[in-house]
């Protein structure tokens, strides 16, 4: 296993090809609490069996992120949307994925987003 920012992560299904990042703006302790709640909701869902592995979170520099290792980033995003869409923060989510050993993100949401990065 490796952290969400690099290296390959293995599971009982082999090594995942991509890292999907769910990202929100963040500035307060309340934001951190919301991040933990959303991560726990994903862990309680069937995401692990269906689309990948929730591999932790990151908080700072005005943003918060949840990292998901997956072979199917678009399906993992749809699952996350289904699991988290009732949370009021979902409306401000940005999402993108990249190959595990890659640097360039492919933007998933919102469709008009032009640039995505993880600080």
Foldseek 3Di string as FASTA:
>chain_A
DDAQQADWDQDPVGTFFKKKKKKAFDDDPVVVVVLVVLLVLVVPDCCCVPFFAFRDKDDDPRMIITITGGNDRLVSVVVSCVSCVVPPRVVGIWMWMDTRHDDDTDTDPDPPDDDDDDD
